[in-house]
C-alpha atoms as a PDB file:
ATOM      1  CA  MET A   1     130.927   1.905  51.154  1.00  0.00           C
ATOM      2  CA  ARG A   2     127.410   2.253  52.274  1.00  0.00           C
ATOM      3  CA  ALA A   3     128.234   5.042  54.469  1.00  0.00           C
ATOM      4  CA  LEU A   4     130.263   6.629  51.655  1.00  0.00           C
ATOM      5  CA  GLN A   5     127.182   6.578  49.387  1.00  0.00           C
ATOM      6  CA  VAL A   6     125.042   8.012  52.047  1.00  0.00           C
ATOM      7  CA  LEU A   7     127.506  10.894  52.523  1.00  0.00           C
ATOM      8  CA  ALA A   8     127.819  11.327  48.755  1.00  0.00           C
ATOM      9  CA  GLY A   9     124.161  11.613  48.197  1.00  0.00           C
ATOM     10  CA  SER A  10     123.735  14.222  50.980  1.00  0.00           C
ATOM     11  CA  ALA A  11     126.339  16.268  49.227  1.00  0.00           C
ATOM     12  CA  LEU A  12     124.740  15.810  45.804  1.00  0.00           C
ATOM     13  CA  VAL A  13     121.304  17.085  47.324  1.00  0.00           C
ATOM     14  CA  ALA A  14     123.158  20.409  48.440  1.00  0.00           C
ATOM     15  CA  ALA A  15     124.906  20.783  45.253  1.00  0.00           C
ATOM     16  CA  LEU A  16     121.741  20.441  43.219  1.00  0.00           C
ATOM     17  CA  ALA A  17     120.192  23.009  45.177  1.00  0.00           C
ATOM     18  CA  ALA A  18     122.993  25.526  44.790  1.00  0.00           C
ATOM     19  CA  CYS A  19     122.931  24.992  41.025  1.00  0.00           C
ATOM     20  CA  GLY A  20     119.364  25.789  40.677  1.00  0.00           C
ATOM     21  CA  SER A  21     116.510  23.853  39.268  1.00  0.00           C
ATOM     22  CA  ASP A  22     118.394  23.029  36.015  1.00  0.00           C
ATOM     23  CA  ALA A  23     121.303  21.457  37.597  1.00  0.00           C
ATOM     24  CA  ASP A  24     120.112  17.939  38.496  1.00  0.00           C
ATOM     25  CA  PRO A  25     123.103  15.993  37.196  1.00  0.00           C
ATOM     26  CA  GLY A  26     121.273  12.654  37.150  1.00  0.00           C
ATOM     27  CA  ALA A  27     122.712   9.176  37.953  1.00  0.00           C
ATOM     28  CA  SER A  28     126.385   8.947  37.930  1.00  0.00           C
ATOM     29  CA  SER A  29     129.039   6.012  37.506  1.00  0.00           C
ATOM     30  CA  SER A  30     128.050   3.417  40.136  1.00  0.00           C
ATOM     31  CA  SER A  31     131.912   2.801  40.942  1.00  0.00           C
ATOM     32  CA  ALA A  32     132.466   6.364  42.029  1.00  0.00           C
ATOM     33  CA  PRO A  33     131.922   7.393  45.786  1.00  0.00           C
ATOM     34  CA  ALA A  34     130.632  10.730  44.822  1.00  0.00           C
ATOM     35  CA  ALA A  35     128.412   9.454  42.139  1.00  0.00           C
ATOM     36  CA  SER A  36     125.237   7.870  44.003  1.00  0.00           C
ATOM     37  CA  ALA A  37     122.631  10.579  43.615  1.00  0.00           C
ATOM     38  CA  SER A  38     119.221   9.139  42.928  1.00  0.00           C
ATOM     39  CA  SER A  39     116.105  10.613  41.282  1.00  0.00           C
ATOM     40  CA  ALA A  40     114.705  10.735  44.874  1.00  0.00           C
ATOM     41  CA  ALA A  41     117.505  12.833  46.035  1.00  0.00           C
ATOM     42  CA  ALA A  42     117.051  15.015  43.137  1.00  0.00           C
ATOM     43  CA  ALA A  43     113.348  15.487  43.732  1.00  0.00           C
ATOM     44  CA  ALA A  44     114.049  16.534  47.372  1.00  0.00           C
ATOM     45  CA  ALA A  45     116.599  19.132  46.392  1.00  0.00           C
ATOM     46  CA  PRO A  46     115.101  22.684  46.560  1.00  0.00           C
ATOM     47  CA  THR A  47     115.120  24.760  43.216  1.00  0.00           C
ATOM     48  CA  SER A  48     116.306  28.370  42.991  1.00  0.00           C
ATOM     49  CA  ALA A  49     112.931  29.730  43.337  1.00  0.00           C
ATOM     50  CA  ASP A  50     112.630  27.911  46.733  1.00  0.00           C
ATOM     51  CA  VAL A  51     115.390  29.849  48.418  1.00  0.00           C
ATOM     52  CA  SER A  52     115.289  33.786  48.440  1.00  0.00           C
ATOM     53  CA  PRO A  53     118.508  35.980  48.883  1.00  0.00           C
ATOM     54  CA  THR A  54     119.574  36.492  52.262  1.00  0.00           C
ATOM     55  CA  PRO A  55     118.895  40.258  53.456  1.00  0.00           C
ATOM     56  CA  GLY A  56     122.291  42.132  53.971  1.00  0.00           C
ATOM     57  CA  ARG A  57     124.365  39.779  52.271  1.00  0.00           C
ATOM     58  CA  PRO A  58     126.219  40.641  49.148  1.00  0.00           C
ATOM     59  CA  GLY A  59     125.427  38.617  46.056  1.00  0.00           C
ATOM     60  CA  ALA A  60     127.737  36.987  43.460  1.00  0.00           C
ATOM     61  CA  PRO A  61     130.510  39.068  42.057  1.00  0.00           C
ATOM     62  CA  LYS A  62     130.101  39.937  38.286  1.00  0.00           C
ATOM     63  CA  VAL A  63     132.335  38.109  35.894  1.00  0.00           C
ATOM     64  CA  ALA A  64     134.697  40.486  34.297  1.00  0.00           C
ATOM     65  CA  THR A  65     135.938  37.951  31.434  1.00  0.00           C
ATOM     66  CA  PRO A  66     132.929  35.973  30.493  1.00  0.00           C
ATOM     67  CA  LYS A  67     133.520  32.387  28.968  1.00  0.00           C
ATOM     68  CA  ASP A  68     131.020  30.071  27.325  1.00  0.00           C
ATOM     69  CA  GLY A  69     131.137  26.496  28.551  1.00  0.00           C
ATOM     70  CA  SER A  70     127.688  25.319  26.872  1.00  0.00           C
ATOM     71  CA  GLY A  71     128.752  24.376  23.497  1.00  0.00           C
ATOM     72  CA  LYS A  72     130.809  21.086  24.543  1.00  0.00           C
ATOM     73  CA  SER A  73     130.118  18.010  26.299  1.00  0.00           C
ATOM     74  CA  PRO A  74     131.277  18.255  29.929  1.00  0.00           C
ATOM     75  CA  CYS A  75     133.552  15.224  29.083  1.00  0.00           C
ATOM     76  CA  ASP A  76     135.355  17.444  26.508  1.00  0.00           C
ATOM     77  CA  LEU A  77     135.876  20.346  28.821  1.00  0.00           C
ATOM     78  CA  VAL A  78     138.516  18.791  30.786  1.00  0.00           C
ATOM     79  CA  PRO A  79     141.727  18.759  29.009  1.00  0.00           C
ATOM     80  CA  ALA A  80     143.414  15.034  28.574  1.00  0.00           C
ATOM     81  CA  ALA A  81     146.479  16.232  30.326  1.00  0.00           C
ATOM     82  CA  THR A  82     144.552  17.171  33.502  1.00  0.00           C
ATOM     83  CA  VAL A  83     142.620  13.829  33.494  1.00  0.00           C
ATOM     84  CA  SER A  84     146.112  11.947  33.204  1.00  0.00           C
ATOM     85  CA  ALA A  85     147.802  14.236  36.013  1.00  0.00           C
ATOM     86  CA  ILE A  86     144.803  13.486  38.401  1.00  0.00           C
ATOM     87  CA  GLY A  87     145.029   9.897  37.725  1.00  0.00           C
ATOM     88  CA  LEU A  88     141.706   9.301  36.169  1.00  0.00           C
ATOM     89  CA  GLY A  89     140.292   6.904  33.528  1.00  0.00           C
ATOM     90  CA  PRO A  90     137.974   7.869  30.587  1.00  0.00           C
ATOM     91  CA  GLY A  91     135.100  10.180  31.318  1.00  0.00           C
ATOM     92  CA  LYS A  92     131.513   8.851  31.148  1.00  0.00           C
ATOM     93  CA  LEU A  93     128.752  10.953  29.943  1.00  0.00           C
ATOM     94  CA  THR A  94     125.315  11.168  31.687  1.00  0.00           C
ATOM     95  CA  PRO A  95     123.230  12.979  29.004  1.00  0.00           C
ATOM     96  CA  ALA A  96     120.366  15.391  29.879  1.00  0.00           C
ATOM     97  CA  ALA A  97     118.108  13.285  27.885  1.00  0.00           C
ATOM     98  CA  ARG A  98     118.001  10.724  30.923  1.00  0.00           C
ATOM     99  CA  ALA A  99     114.821  11.029  33.005  1.00  0.00           C
ATOM    100  CA  THR A 100     116.920  12.036  36.129  1.00  0.00           C
ATOM    101  CA  ALA A 101     119.081  14.455  34.309  1.00  0.00           C
ATOM    102  CA  ARG A 102     118.490  18.042  33.252  1.00  0.00           C
ATOM    103  CA  LEU A 103     121.895  18.824  32.274  1.00  0.00           C
ATOM    104  CA  ASP A 104     124.693  16.807  30.876  1.00  0.00           C
ATOM    105  CA  THR A 105     127.197  15.591  33.452  1.00  0.00           C
ATOM    106  CA  CYS A 106     130.643  13.647  33.143  1.00  0.00           C
ATOM    107  CA  ASN A 107     131.938  11.401  35.642  1.00  0.00           C
ATOM    108  CA  TRP A 108     135.626  10.052  35.918  1.00  0.00           C
ATOM    109  CA  VAL A 109     136.914   7.295  38.211  1.00  0.00           C
ATOM    110  CA  GLY A 110     140.614   6.874  39.233  1.00  0.00           C
ATOM    111  CA  THR A 111     142.739   4.116  37.834  1.00  0.00           C
ATOM    112  CA  GLY A 112     145.350   1.617  39.190  1.00  0.00           C
ATOM    113  CA  SER A 113     146.394   3.010  42.679  1.00  0.00           C
ATOM    114  CA  ASN A 114     144.145   6.014  42.204  1.00  0.00           C
ATOM    115  CA  TRP A 115     140.898   3.834  41.975  1.00  0.00           C
ATOM    116  CA  MET A 116     139.072   5.870  44.824  1.00  0.00           C
ATOM    117  CA  LYS A 117     139.622   9.311  43.057  1.00  0.00           C
ATOM    118  CA  THR A 118     136.506  10.603  41.515  1.00  0.00           C
ATOM    119  CA  LEU A 119     135.589  13.780  39.394  1.00  0.00           C
ATOM    120  CA  ILE A 120     132.176  14.998  38.235  1.00  0.00           C
ATOM    121  CA  VAL A 121     131.798  18.161  35.948  1.00  0.00           C
ATOM    122  CA  SER A 122     128.725  19.908  34.732  1.00  0.00           C
ATOM    123  CA  VAL A 123     127.998  23.303  33.261  1.00  0.00           C
ATOM    124  CA  ASN A 124     124.558  25.175  33.968  1.00  0.00           C
ATOM    125  CA  PRO A 125     124.104  27.458  30.944  1.00  0.00           C
ATOM    126  CA  ARG A 126     121.011  29.027  32.497  1.00  0.00           C
ATOM    127  CA  SER A 127     122.042  29.843  36.007  1.00  0.00           C
ATOM    128  CA  GLY A 128     124.818  32.077  37.216  1.00  0.00           C
ATOM    129  CA  LEU A 129     126.689  32.067  40.512  1.00  0.00           C
ATOM    130  CA  GLU A 130     124.065  34.121  42.061  1.00  0.00           C
ATOM    131  CA  THR A 131     122.105  31.105  42.638  1.00  0.00           C
ATOM    132  CA  THR A 132     124.604  29.494  44.748  1.00  0.00           C
ATOM    133  CA  TYR A 133     124.954  32.672  46.855  1.00  0.00           C
ATOM    134  CA  ASN A 134     121.037  32.566  47.146  1.00  0.00           C
ATOM    135  CA  ASN A 135     121.290  28.841  48.564  1.00  0.00           C
ATOM    136  CA  ARG A 136     124.338  29.595  50.831  1.00  0.00           C
ATOM    137  CA  ALA A 137     122.306  28.714  53.921  1.00  0.00           C
ATOM    138  CA  ILE A 138     122.278  25.141  53.050  1.00  0.00           C
ATOM    139  CA  PHE A 139     126.063  24.766  53.497  1.00  0.00           C
ATOM    140  CA  THR A 140     128.090  24.511  56.551  1.00  0.00           C
ATOM    141  CA  GLU A 141     131.313  25.702  54.435  1.00  0.00           C
ATOM    142  CA  PHE A 142     130.973  28.668  52.197  1.00  0.00           C
ATOM    143  CA  VAL A 143     134.382  30.178  50.957  1.00  0.00           C
ATOM    144  CA  GLU A 144     134.444  32.828  48.246  1.00  0.00           C
ATOM    145  CA  LEU A 145     137.572  32.810  46.073  1.00  0.00           C
ATOM    146  CA  GLN A 146     138.777  33.194  42.605  1.00  0.00           C
ATOM    147  CA  VAL A 147     139.832  30.532  40.000  1.00  0.00           C
ATOM    148  CA  ALA A 148     141.598  31.546  37.069  1.00  0.00           C
ATOM    149  CA  GLY A 149     140.302  35.015  37.504  1.00  0.00           C
ATOM    150  CA  HIS A 150     136.816  34.030  37.811  1.00  0.00           C
ATOM    151  CA  PRO A 151     134.638  34.371  40.840  1.00  0.00           C
ATOM    152  CA  ALA A 152     133.965  30.973  42.683  1.00  0.00           C
ATOM    153  CA  VAL A 153     132.601  29.353  45.862  1.00  0.00           C
ATOM    154  CA  ARG A 154     133.904  26.327  47.742  1.00  0.00           C
ATOM    155  CA  ALA A 155     130.558  25.304  49.246  1.00  0.00           C
ATOM    156  CA  ASN A 156     130.204  21.982  51.093  1.00  0.00           C
ATOM    157  CA  GLN A 157     128.784  20.135  54.032  1.00  0.00           C
ATOM    158  CA  THR A 158     131.360  19.373  56.794  1.00  0.00           C
ATOM    159  CA  ASP A 159     132.122  15.672  56.142  1.00  0.00           C
ATOM    160  CA  ALA A 160     135.158  15.261  53.725  1.00  0.00           C
ATOM    161  CA  LEU A 161     134.218  11.848  52.562  1.00  0.00           C
ATOM    162  CA  ALA A 162     131.564  13.202  50.186  1.00  0.00           C
ATOM    163  CA  GLY A 163     134.015  15.379  48.133  1.00  0.00           C
ATOM    164  CA  CYS A 164     134.564  19.171  47.615  1.00  0.00           C
ATOM    165  CA  ASN A 165     131.929  21.155  45.522  1.00  0.00           C
ATOM    166  CA  LEU A 166     133.361  24.142  43.587  1.00  0.00           C
ATOM    167  CA  TYR A 167     130.985  26.572  41.706  1.00  0.00           C
ATOM    168  CA  VAL A 168     132.638  28.873  39.340  1.00  0.00           C
ATOM    169  CA  GLY A 169     131.081  31.716  37.282  1.00  0.00           C
ATOM    170  CA  LEU A 170     131.947  31.309  33.692  1.00  0.00           C
ATOM    171  CA  SER A 171     129.833  34.168  33.016  1.00  0.00           C
ATOM    172  CA  ASP A 172     127.031  36.160  35.113  1.00  0.00           C
ATOM    173  CA  ALA A 173     124.585  33.426  33.418  1.00  0.00           C
ATOM    174  CA  GLN A 174     126.678  30.058  33.469  1.00  0.00           C
ATOM    175  CA  THR A 175     127.933  28.146  36.276  1.00  0.00           C
ATOM    176  CA  LEU A 176     130.723  25.542  36.255  1.00  0.00           C
ATOM    177  CA  TRP A 177     130.236  22.797  38.881  1.00  0.00           C
ATOM    178  CA  VAL A 178     133.104  20.526  39.826  1.00  0.00           C
ATOM    179  CA  ILE A 179     133.152  17.760  42.571  1.00  0.00           C
ATOM    180  CA  GLY A 180     136.676  16.505  43.349  1.00  0.00           C
ATOM    181  CA  ASN A 181     137.255  13.472  45.625  1.00  0.00           C
ATOM    182  CA  SER A 182     140.877  12.393  46.300  1.00  0.00           C
ATOM    183  CA  GLY A 183     139.736   9.149  48.019  1.00  0.00           C
ATOM    184  CA  THR A 184     138.313   7.737  51.224  1.00  0.00           C
ATOM    185  CA  ASN A 185     140.984   9.123  53.455  1.00  0.00           C
ATOM    186  CA  GLY A 186     141.417  12.420  51.809  1.00  0.00           C
ATOM    187  CA  THR A 187     140.838  15.698  53.687  1.00  0.00           C
ATOM    188  CA  MET A 188     138.543  18.336  52.240  1.00  0.00           C
ATOM    189  CA  ASP A 189     141.568  20.532  51.148  1.00  0.00           C
ATOM    190  CA  GLN A 190     142.884  17.469  49.146  1.00  0.00           C
ATOM    191  CA  HIS A 191     139.430  16.976  47.356  1.00  0.00           C
ATOM    192  CA  CYS A 192     139.249  20.912  46.779  1.00  0.00           C
ATOM    193  CA  ALA A 193     142.677  20.861  45.107  1.00  0.00           C
ATOM    194  CA  ILE A 194     141.427  18.392  42.531  1.00  0.00           C
ATOM    195  CA  SER A 195     138.309  20.530  41.909  1.00  0.00           C
ATOM    196  CA  THR A 196     140.331  23.686  41.642  1.00  0.00           C
ATOM    197  CA  GLN A 197     143.019  21.948  39.313  1.00  0.00           C
ATOM    198  CA  THR A 198     140.135  20.905  37.114  1.00  0.00           C
ATOM    199  CA  ALA A 199     138.230  24.094  37.184  1.00  0.00           C
ATOM    200  CA  GLU A 200     141.465  26.069  36.216  1.00  0.00           C
ATOM    201  CA  ALA A 201     142.292  23.807  33.315  1.00  0.00           C
ATOM    202  CA  ILE A 202     138.680  24.017  31.935  1.00  0.00           C
ATOM    203  CA  ILE A 203     138.463  27.801  32.126  1.00  0.00           C
ATOM    204  CA  LYS A 204     142.028  28.331  30.554  1.00  0.00           C
ATOM    205  CA  ALA A 205     141.143  25.954  27.685  1.00  0.00           C
ATOM    206  CA  LEU A 206     137.838  27.769  26.962  1.00  0.00           C
ATOM    207  CA  PRO A 207     138.010  30.440  24.156  1.00  0.00           C
END
């Protein structure tokens, strides 16, 4: 478990940098493998102002059908049917009012035989997917894709234990951030399947 927490912390440092200076989700549920970020890790994460765009590399694609994910708690963004299908319990909100959180974040932990599954969701309403592109150098995996018709990036470190970070452009000025973890023995593809399933459900449910 100690090794798992260290890996999770490393992934969250990278995730905070990719989301920009407003994206520190703060502390998460202590029972979730991907939820051990600390204020020290958050402080160490570079902000969007620290990393300049890479010369010669294209920026983030424009969002053709913008959606607004800023009006709800992140715990309310994921449809109940999706939470149940993944095998998760109730979401736990970490509000932005906490000293270590600049954005609201919701954390889910699996139930029963799914107890090692975790899910983290947040929306940055002040930073688009371009910030993730500007920080691409901090990742060892940077895969461009589309999720429910929206531009997205699967951006991770190499170790699968930390889960799968998926960044989706809700609009040119908003980013949906999802971290899925299918469990200790899961592969990165299995983690990312949870992240993608969640992001698709969120986007389809948004007006």
